[in-house]
PDB file of all heavy atoms in Angstrom:
ATOM      1  N   PHE A   1     100.710  -7.001 159.898  1.00  0.00           N
ATOM      2  CA  PHE A   1     100.428  -6.596 158.526  1.00  0.00           C
ATOM      3  C   PHE A   1      99.147  -5.777 158.408  1.00  0.00           C
ATOM      4  O   PHE A   1      98.960  -5.034 157.438  1.00  0.00           O
ATOM      5  CB  PHE A   1     100.353  -7.829 157.615  1.00  0.00           C
ATOM      6  CG  PHE A   1     100.043  -7.526 156.174  1.00  0.00           C
ATOM      7  CD1 PHE A   1     100.719  -6.517 155.483  1.00  0.00           C
ATOM      8  CD2 PHE A   1      99.061  -8.237 155.496  1.00  0.00           C
ATOM      9  CE1 PHE A   1     100.420  -6.233 154.159  1.00  0.00           C
ATOM     10  CE2 PHE A   1      98.760  -7.959 154.165  1.00  0.00           C
ATOM     11  CZ  PHE A   1      99.440  -6.957 153.503  1.00  0.00           C
ATOM     12  N   ASP A   2      98.256  -5.873 159.388  1.00  0.00           N
ATOM     13  CA  ASP A   2      97.017  -5.093 159.334  1.00  0.00           C
ATOM     14  C   ASP A   2      97.273  -3.597 159.460  1.00  0.00           C
ATOM     15  O   ASP A   2      96.353  -2.789 159.278  1.00  0.00           O
ATOM     16  CB  ASP A   2      96.057  -5.542 160.433  1.00  0.00           C
ATOM     17  CG  ASP A   2      96.646  -5.415 161.831  1.00  0.00           C
ATOM     18  OD1 ASP A   2      97.867  -5.612 161.987  1.00  0.00           O
ATOM     19  OD2 ASP A   2      95.877  -5.125 162.765  1.00  0.00           O
ATOM     20  N   LYS A   3      98.528  -3.204 159.715  1.00  0.00           N
ATOM     21  CA  LYS A   3      98.852  -1.782 159.897  1.00  0.00           C
ATOM     22  C   LYS A   3      99.576  -1.169 158.696  1.00  0.00           C
ATOM     23  O   LYS A   3      99.882   0.023 158.705  1.00  0.00           O
ATOM     24  CB  LYS A   3      99.712  -1.590 161.149  1.00  0.00           C
ATOM     25  CG  LYS A   3      99.039  -1.993 162.452  1.00  0.00           C
ATOM     26  CD  LYS A   3      99.957  -1.784 163.640  1.00  0.00           C
ATOM     27  CE  LYS A   3      99.278  -2.144 164.952  1.00  0.00           C
ATOM     28  NZ  LYS A   3      98.949  -3.576 165.030  1.00  0.00           N
ATOM     29  N   PHE A   4      99.885  -1.949 157.657  1.00  0.00           N
ATOM     30  CA  PHE A   4     100.620  -1.384 156.524  1.00  0.00           C
ATOM     31  C   PHE A   4     100.268  -2.089 155.222  1.00  0.00           C
ATOM     32  O   PHE A   4      99.593  -3.125 155.208  1.00  0.00           O
ATOM     33  CB  PHE A   4     102.141  -1.458 156.767  1.00  0.00           C
ATOM     34  CG  PHE A   4     102.705  -2.842 156.919  1.00  0.00           C
ATOM     35  CD1 PHE A   4     103.184  -3.555 155.825  1.00  0.00           C
ATOM     36  CD2 PHE A   4     102.783  -3.439 158.176  1.00  0.00           C
ATOM     37  CE1 PHE A   4     103.711  -4.832 155.972  1.00  0.00           C
ATOM     38  CE2 PHE A   4     103.314  -4.716 158.338  1.00  0.00           C
ATOM     39  CZ  PHE A   4     103.782  -5.413 157.234  1.00  0.00           C
ATOM     40  N   THR A   5     100.722  -1.484 154.125  1.00  0.00           N
ATOM     41  CA  THR A   5     100.513  -2.008 152.776  1.00  0.00           C
ATOM     42  C   THR A   5     101.856  -2.414 152.183  1.00  0.00           C
ATOM     43  O   THR A   5     102.880  -1.789 152.461  1.00  0.00           O
ATOM     44  CB  THR A   5      99.848  -0.930 151.889  1.00  0.00           C
ATOM     45  OG1 THR A   5      98.436  -0.927 152.127  1.00  0.00           O
ATOM     46  CG2 THR A   5     100.074  -1.186 150.405  1.00  0.00           C
ATOM     47  N   VAL A   6     101.841  -3.454 151.361  1.00  0.00           N
ATOM     48  CA  VAL A   6     103.017  -3.823 150.581  1.00  0.00           C
ATOM     49  C   VAL A   6     102.677  -3.674 149.100  1.00  0.00           C
ATOM     50  O   VAL A   6     101.699  -4.241 148.623  1.00  0.00           O
ATOM     51  CB  VAL A   6     103.471  -5.268 150.855  1.00  0.00           C
ATOM     52  CG1 VAL A   6     104.596  -5.666 149.886  1.00  0.00           C
ATOM     53  CG2 VAL A   6     103.942  -5.425 152.295  1.00  0.00           C
ATOM     54  N   VAL A   7     103.467  -2.859 148.402  1.00  0.00           N
ATOM     55  CA  VAL A   7     103.312  -2.711 146.956  1.00  0.00           C
ATOM     56  C   VAL A   7     104.319  -3.661 146.295  1.00  0.00           C
ATOM     57  O   VAL A   7     105.527  -3.497 146.459  1.00  0.00           O
ATOM     58  CB  VAL A   7     103.566  -1.265 146.493  1.00  0.00           C
ATOM     59  CG1 VAL A   7     103.298  -1.137 144.989  1.00  0.00           C
ATOM     60  CG2 VAL A   7     102.687  -0.293 147.270  1.00  0.00           C
ATOM     61  N   ARG A   8     103.817  -4.642 145.563  1.00  0.00           N
ATOM     62  CA  ARG A   8     104.680  -5.650 144.945  1.00  0.00           C
ATOM     63  C   ARG A   8     104.954  -5.385 143.468  1.00  0.00           C
ATOM     64  O   ARG A   8     105.608  -6.184 142.806  1.00  0.00           O
ATOM     65  CB  ARG A   8     104.051  -7.036 145.089  1.00  0.00           C
ATOM     66  CG  ARG A   8     104.060  -7.601 146.508  1.00  0.00           C
ATOM     67  CD  ARG A   8     103.328  -8.928 146.573  1.00  0.00           C
ATOM     68  NE  ARG A   8     103.489  -9.586 147.886  1.00  0.00           N
ATOM     69  CZ  ARG A   8     102.811 -10.669 148.269  1.00  0.00           C
ATOM     70  NH1 ARG A   8     101.925 -11.209 147.428  1.00  0.00           N
ATOM     71  NH2 ARG A   8     103.021 -11.203 149.451  1.00  0.00           N
ATOM     72  N   SER A   9     104.476  -4.269 142.963  1.00  0.00           N
ATOM     73  CA  SER A   9     104.501  -4.106 141.501  1.00  0.00           C
ATOM     74  C   SER A   9     105.160  -2.816 141.024  1.00  0.00           C
ATOM     75  O   SER A   9     104.858  -2.333 139.937  1.00  0.00           O
ATOM     76  CB  SER A   9     103.072  -4.176 140.962  1.00  0.00           C
ATOM     77  OG  SER A   9     102.237  -3.226 141.609  1.00  0.00           O
ATOM     78  N   ILE A  10     106.045  -2.217 141.820  1.00  0.00           N
ATOM     79  CA  ILE A  10     106.850  -1.099 141.337  1.00  0.00           C
ATOM     80  C   ILE A  10     108.080  -1.685 140.638  1.00  0.00           C
ATOM     81  O   ILE A  10     108.717  -2.601 141.153  1.00  0.00           O
ATOM     82  CB  ILE A  10     107.276  -0.178 142.486  1.00  0.00           C
ATOM     83  CG1 ILE A  10     106.044   0.526 143.079  1.00  0.00           C
ATOM     84  CG2 ILE A  10     108.293   0.862 142.022  1.00  0.00           C
ATOM     85  CD1 ILE A  10     106.330   1.364 144.310  1.00  0.00           C
ATOM     86  N   CYS A  11     108.400  -1.174 139.473  1.00  0.00           N
ATOM     87  CA  CYS A  11     109.544  -1.723 138.738  1.00  0.00           C
ATOM     88  C   CYS A  11     110.122  -0.666 137.802  1.00  0.00           C
ATOM     89  O   CYS A  11     109.498   0.351 137.525  1.00  0.00           O
ATOM     90  CB  CYS A  11     109.132  -2.960 137.930  1.00  0.00           C
ATOM     91  SG  CYS A  11     107.870  -2.651 136.682  1.00  0.00           S
ATOM     92  N   HIS A  12     111.341  -0.929 137.329  1.00  0.00           N
ATOM     93  CA  HIS A  12     111.986  -0.048 136.352  1.00  0.00           C
ATOM     94  C   HIS A  12     112.996  -0.878 135.581  1.00  0.00           C
ATOM     95  O   HIS A  12     112.953  -2.115 135.620  1.00  0.00           O
ATOM     96  CB  HIS A  12     112.631   1.157 137.044  1.00  0.00           C
ATOM     97  CG  HIS A  12     113.648   0.812 138.083  1.00  0.00           C
ATOM     98  ND1 HIS A  12     115.003   0.728 137.814  1.00  0.00           N
ATOM     99  CD2 HIS A  12     113.536   0.511 139.415  1.00  0.00           C
ATOM    100  CE1 HIS A  12     115.665   0.421 138.915  1.00  0.00           C
ATOM    101  NE2 HIS A  12     114.797   0.286 139.906  1.00  0.00           N
ATOM    102  N   LYS A  13     113.912  -0.227 134.845  1.00  0.00           N
ATOM    103  CA  LYS A  13     114.810  -0.968 133.965  1.00  0.00           C
ATOM    104  C   LYS A  13     116.292  -0.693 134.207  1.00  0.00           C
ATOM    105  O   LYS A  13     117.132  -1.090 133.406  1.00  0.00           O
ATOM    106  CB  LYS A  13     114.469  -0.662 132.500  1.00  0.00           C
ATOM    107  CG  LYS A  13     113.075  -1.111 132.090  1.00  0.00           C
ATOM    108  CD  LYS A  13     112.793  -0.792 130.623  1.00  0.00           C
ATOM    109  CE  LYS A  13     111.394  -1.250 130.224  1.00  0.00           C
ATOM    110  NZ  LYS A  13     111.094  -0.948 128.798  1.00  0.00           N
ATOM    111  N   ASP A  14     116.625  -0.034 135.308  1.00  0.00           N
ATOM    112  CA  ASP A  14     118.027   0.292 135.571  1.00  0.00           C
ATOM    113  C   ASP A  14     118.606  -0.684 136.597  1.00  0.00           C
ATOM    114  O   ASP A  14     118.264  -0.623 137.771  1.00  0.00           O
ATOM    115  CB  ASP A  14     118.160   1.721 136.088  1.00  0.00           C
ATOM    116  CG  ASP A  14     119.596   2.239 136.004  1.00  0.00           C
ATOM    117  OD1 ASP A  14     120.523   1.427 136.194  1.00  0.00           O
ATOM    118  OD2 ASP A  14     119.781   3.441 135.741  1.00  0.00           O
ATOM    119  N   PRO A  15     119.507  -1.583 136.197  1.00  0.00           N
ATOM    120  CA  PRO A  15     120.045  -2.593 137.110  1.00  0.00           C
ATOM    121  C   PRO A  15     121.270  -2.140 137.902  1.00  0.00           C
ATOM    122  O   PRO A  15     121.852  -2.949 138.632  1.00  0.00           O
ATOM    123  CB  PRO A  15     120.416  -3.735 136.157  1.00  0.00           C
ATOM    124  CG  PRO A  15     120.853  -3.024 134.914  1.00  0.00           C
ATOM    125  CD  PRO A  15     119.973  -1.793 134.810  1.00  0.00           C
ATOM    126  N   ASN A  16     121.682  -0.897 137.757  1.00  0.00           N
ATOM    127  CA  ASN A  16     122.866  -0.402 138.456  1.00  0.00           C
ATOM    128  C   ASN A  16     122.479   0.317 139.744  1.00  0.00           C
ATOM    129  O   ASN A  16     121.461   1.013 139.804  1.00  0.00           O
ATOM    130  CB  ASN A  16     123.662   0.546 137.567  1.00  0.00           C
ATOM    131  CG  ASN A  16     124.366  -0.185 136.445  1.00  0.00           C
ATOM    132  OD1 ASN A  16     124.669  -1.365 136.564  1.00  0.00           O
ATOM    133  ND2 ASN A  16     124.613   0.507 135.349  1.00  0.00           N
ATOM    134  N   HIS A  17     123.338   0.190 140.751  1.00  0.00           N
ATOM    135  CA  HIS A  17     123.058   0.862 142.023  1.00  0.00           C
ATOM    136  C   HIS A  17     122.951   2.375 141.843  1.00  0.00           C
ATOM    137  O   HIS A  17     122.048   3.009 142.386  1.00  0.00           O
ATOM    138  CB  HIS A  17     124.167   0.557 143.036  1.00  0.00           C
ATOM    139  CG  HIS A  17     124.228  -0.873 143.458  1.00  0.00           C
ATOM    140  ND1 HIS A  17     123.191  -1.508 144.101  1.00  0.00           N
ATOM    141  CD2 HIS A  17     125.213  -1.798 143.328  1.00  0.00           C
ATOM    142  CE1 HIS A  17     123.525  -2.757 144.351  1.00  0.00           C
ATOM    143  NE2 HIS A  17     124.757  -2.962 143.890  1.00  0.00           N
ATOM    144  N   GLY A  18     123.882   2.961 141.086  1.00  0.00           N
ATOM    145  CA  GLY A  18     123.878   4.409 140.904  1.00  0.00           C
ATOM    146  C   GLY A  18     122.584   4.912 140.289  1.00  0.00           C
ATOM    147  O   GLY A  18     121.939   5.829 140.815  1.00  0.00           O
ATOM    148  N   GLY A  19     122.187   4.316 139.181  1.00  0.00           N
ATOM    149  CA  GLY A  19     120.960   4.738 138.513  1.00  0.00           C
ATOM    150  C   GLY A  19     119.714   4.384 139.296  1.00  0.00           C
ATOM    151  O   GLY A  19     118.763   5.170 139.370  1.00  0.00           O
ATOM    152  N   GLY A  20     119.708   3.186 139.894  1.00  0.00           N
ATOM    153  CA  GLY A  20     118.543   2.776 140.673  1.00  0.00           C
ATOM    154  C   GLY A  20     118.331   3.643 141.893  1.00  0.00           C
ATOM    155  O   GLY A  20     117.202   4.023 142.213  1.00  0.00           O
ATOM    156  N   ASN A  21     119.424   3.958 142.592  1.00  0.00           N
ATOM    157  CA  ASN A  21     119.332   4.866 143.736  1.00  0.00           C
ATOM    158  C   ASN A  21     118.725   6.202 143.327  1.00  0.00           C
ATOM    159  O   ASN A  21     117.822   6.727 143.991  1.00  0.00           O
ATOM    160  CB  ASN A  21     120.727   5.100 144.321  1.00  0.00           C
ATOM    161  CG  ASN A  21     121.051   4.184 145.483  1.00  0.00           C
ATOM    162  OD1 ASN A  21     120.960   4.591 146.632  1.00  0.00           O
ATOM    163  ND2 ASN A  21     121.421   2.954 145.188  1.00  0.00           N
ATOM    164  N   HIS A  22     119.241   6.755 142.239  1.00  0.00           N
ATOM    165  CA  HIS A  22     118.758   8.064 141.788  1.00  0.00           C
ATOM    166  C   HIS A  22     117.275   8.010 141.446  1.00  0.00           C
ATOM    167  O   HIS A  22     116.500   8.897 141.828  1.00  0.00           O
ATOM    168  CB  HIS A  22     119.558   8.515 140.567  1.00  0.00           C
ATOM    169  CG  HIS A  22     119.354   9.946 140.199  1.00  0.00           C
ATOM    170  ND1 HIS A  22     118.283  10.372 139.435  1.00  0.00           N
ATOM    171  CD2 HIS A  22     120.067  11.067 140.495  1.00  0.00           C
ATOM    172  CE1 HIS A  22     118.355  11.674 139.269  1.00  0.00           C
ATOM    173  NE2 HIS A  22     119.425  12.125 139.902  1.00  0.00           N
ATOM    174  N   TYR A  23     116.868   6.966 140.751  1.00  0.00           N
ATOM    175  CA  TYR A  23     115.473   6.842 140.308  1.00  0.00           C
ATOM    176  C   TYR A  23     114.522   6.760 141.495  1.00  0.00           C
ATOM    177  O   TYR A  23     113.475   7.421 141.515  1.00  0.00           O
ATOM    178  CB  TYR A  23     115.346   5.592 139.444  1.00  0.00           C
ATOM    179  CG  TYR A  23     114.296   5.657 138.358  1.00  0.00           C
ATOM    180  CD1 TYR A  23     114.210   4.633 137.398  1.00  0.00           C
ATOM    181  CD2 TYR A  23     113.378   6.700 138.261  1.00  0.00           C
ATOM    182  CE1 TYR A  23     113.266   4.659 136.386  1.00  0.00           C
ATOM    183  CE2 TYR A  23     112.419   6.744 137.259  1.00  0.00           C
ATOM    184  CZ  TYR A  23     112.378   5.717 136.318  1.00  0.00           C
ATOM    185  OH  TYR A  23     111.431   5.744 135.319  1.00  0.00           O
ATOM    186  N   LEU A  24     114.874   5.957 142.496  1.00  0.00           N
ATOM    187  CA  LEU A  24     113.964   5.749 143.626  1.00  0.00           C
ATOM    188  C   LEU A  24     114.135   6.765 144.737  1.00  0.00           C
ATOM    189  O   LEU A  24     113.320   6.818 145.660  1.00  0.00           O
ATOM    190  CB  LEU A  24     114.143   4.342 144.180  1.00  0.00           C
ATOM    191  CG  LEU A  24     113.298   3.217 143.562  1.00  0.00           C
ATOM    192  CD1 LEU A  24     111.800   3.520 143.641  1.00  0.00           C
ATOM    193  CD2 LEU A  24     113.684   2.948 142.114  1.00  0.00           C
ATOM    194  N   MET A  25     115.168   7.614 144.668  1.00  0.00           N
ATOM    195  CA  MET A  25     115.347   8.674 145.655  1.00  0.00           C
ATOM    196  C   MET A  25     114.895  10.036 145.143  1.00  0.00           C
ATOM    197  O   MET A  25     114.801  10.991 145.912  1.00  0.00           O
ATOM    198  CB  MET A  25     116.814   8.763 146.086  1.00  0.00           C
ATOM    199  CG  MET A  25     117.143   7.981 147.344  1.00  0.00           C
ATOM    200  SD  MET A  25     116.420   8.745 148.807  1.00  0.00           S
ATOM    201  CE  MET A  25     116.941   7.610 150.076  1.00  0.00           C
ATOM    202  N   THR A  26     114.630  10.128 143.836  1.00  0.00           N
ATOM    203  CA  THR A  26     114.210  11.409 143.253  1.00  0.00           C
ATOM    204  C   THR A  26     112.943  11.292 142.425  1.00  0.00           C
ATOM    205  O   THR A  26     112.284  12.298 142.165  1.00  0.00           O
ATOM    206  CB  THR A  26     115.319  11.976 142.339  1.00  0.00           C
ATOM    207  OG1 THR A  26     115.454  11.147 141.183  1.00  0.00           O
ATOM    208  CG2 THR A  26     116.660  12.055 143.065  1.00  0.00           C
ATOM    209  N   GLY A  27     112.623  10.084 141.964  1.00  0.00           N
ATOM    210  CA  GLY A  27     111.497   9.900 141.054  1.00  0.00           C
ATOM    211  C   GLY A  27     111.856  10.220 139.623  1.00  0.00           C
ATOM    212  O   GLY A  27     110.977  10.272 138.760  1.00  0.00           O
ATOM    213  N   THR A  28     113.146  10.398 139.362  1.00  0.00           N
ATOM    214  CA  THR A  28     113.611  10.777 138.029  1.00  0.00           C
ATOM    215  C   THR A  28     114.789   9.896 137.618  1.00  0.00           C
ATOM    216  O   THR A  28     115.742   9.751 138.387  1.00  0.00           O
ATOM    217  CB  THR A  28     114.068  12.251 138.011  1.00  0.00           C
ATOM    218  OG1 THR A  28     112.958  13.081 138.391  1.00  0.00           O
ATOM    219  CG2 THR A  28     114.542  12.663 136.623  1.00  0.00           C
ATOM    220  N   PRO A  29     114.760   9.300 136.436  1.00  0.00           N
ATOM    221  CA  PRO A  29     115.906   8.498 135.996  1.00  0.00           C
ATOM    222  C   PRO A  29     117.087   9.393 135.666  1.00  0.00           C
ATOM    223  O   PRO A  29     116.926  10.596 135.409  1.00  0.00           O
ATOM    224  CB  PRO A  29     115.379   7.792 134.744  1.00  0.00           C
ATOM    225  CG  PRO A  29     114.334   8.725 134.211  1.00  0.00           C
ATOM    226  CD  PRO A  29     113.692   9.348 135.419  1.00  0.00           C
ATOM    227  N   THR A  30     118.280   8.842 135.673  1.00  0.00           N
ATOM    228  CA  THR A  30     119.448   9.627 135.276  1.00  0.00           C
ATOM    229  C   THR A  30     119.364   9.905 133.779  1.00  0.00           C
ATOM    230  O   THR A  30     118.961   9.037 133.004  1.00  0.00           O
ATOM    231  CB  THR A  30     120.756   8.879 135.593  1.00  0.00           C
ATOM    232  OG1 THR A  30     120.755   7.617 134.909  1.00  0.00           O
ATOM    233  CG2 THR A  30     120.898   8.649 137.079  1.00  0.00           C
ATOM    234  N   PRO A  31     119.727  11.096 133.326  1.00  0.00           N
ATOM    235  CA  PRO A  31     119.618  11.434 131.896  1.00  0.00           C
ATOM    236  C   PRO A  31     120.626  10.678 131.032  1.00  0.00           C
ATOM    237  O   PRO A  31     120.447  10.577 129.827  1.00  0.00           O
ATOM    238  CB  PRO A  31     119.881  12.941 131.878  1.00  0.00           C
ATOM    239  CG  PRO A  31     120.691  13.203 133.100  1.00  0.00           C
ATOM    240  CD  PRO A  31     120.200  12.239 134.131  1.00  0.00           C
ATOM    241  N   VAL A  32     121.672  10.178 131.652  1.00  0.00           N
ATOM    242  CA  VAL A  32     122.682   9.378 130.956  1.00  0.00           C
ATOM    243  C   VAL A  32     123.006   8.174 131.831  1.00  0.00           C
ATOM    244  O   VAL A  32     122.819   8.225 133.052  1.00  0.00           O
ATOM    245  CB  VAL A  32     123.976  10.183 130.684  1.00  0.00           C
ATOM    246  CG1 VAL A  32     123.711  11.321 129.712  1.00  0.00           C
ATOM    247  CG2 VAL A  32     124.565  10.701 131.991  1.00  0.00           C
ATOM    248  N   PRO A  33     123.463   7.073 131.253  1.00  0.00           N
ATOM    249  CA  PRO A  33     123.849   5.922 132.072  1.00  0.00           C
ATOM    250  C   PRO A  33     124.985   6.295 133.022  1.00  0.00           C
ATOM    251  O   PRO A  33     125.871   7.080 132.670  1.00  0.00           O
ATOM    252  CB  PRO A  33     124.318   4.891 131.030  1.00  0.00           C
ATOM    253  CG  PRO A  33     123.662   5.312 129.755  1.00  0.00           C
ATOM    254  CD  PRO A  33     123.595   6.804 129.803  1.00  0.00           C
ATOM    255  N   VAL A  34     124.945   5.771 134.235  1.00  0.00           N
ATOM    256  CA  VAL A  34     125.985   6.053 135.221  1.00  0.00           C
ATOM    257  C   VAL A  34     126.562   4.741 135.728  1.00  0.00           C
ATOM    258  O   VAL A  34     125.944   3.681 135.613  1.00  0.00           O
ATOM    259  CB  VAL A  34     125.438   6.889 136.404  1.00  0.00           C
ATOM    260  CG1 VAL A  34     124.931   8.233 135.923  1.00  0.00           C
ATOM    261  CG2 VAL A  34     124.348   6.136 137.149  1.00  0.00           C
ATOM    262  N   GLY A  35     127.741   4.803 136.295  1.00  0.00           N
ATOM    263  CA  GLY A  35     128.395   3.621 136.830  1.00  0.00           C
ATOM    264  C   GLY A  35     127.614   3.001 137.963  1.00  0.00           C
ATOM    265  O   GLY A  35     126.864   3.680 138.670  1.00  0.00           O
ATOM    266  N   CYS A  36     127.832   1.717 138.147  1.00  0.00           N
ATOM    267  CA  CYS A  36     127.069   0.986 139.157  1.00  0.00           C
ATOM    268  C   CYS A  36     127.270   1.569 140.549  1.00  0.00           C
ATOM    269  O   CYS A  36     126.345   1.647 141.335  1.00  0.00           O
ATOM    270  CB  CYS A  36     127.466  -0.489 139.128  1.00  0.00           C
ATOM    271  SG  CYS A  36     126.355  -1.539 140.085  1.00  0.00           S
ATOM    272  N   GLY A  37     128.486   1.997 140.855  1.00  0.00           N
ATOM    273  CA  GLY A  37     128.760   2.529 142.183  1.00  0.00           C
ATOM    274  C   GLY A  37     128.679   4.031 142.277  1.00  0.00           C
ATOM    275  O   GLY A  37     129.144   4.616 143.257  1.00  0.00           O
TER     276      GLY A  37
END
């Protein structure tokens, strides 16, 4: 652990895989709700 950091406090409000993937892979939420898959 002396070689890395853990951030425990990143969060958002999208509980779906589709939206969550987009948010954390682009830094941008989806402009409209998308299906979970």
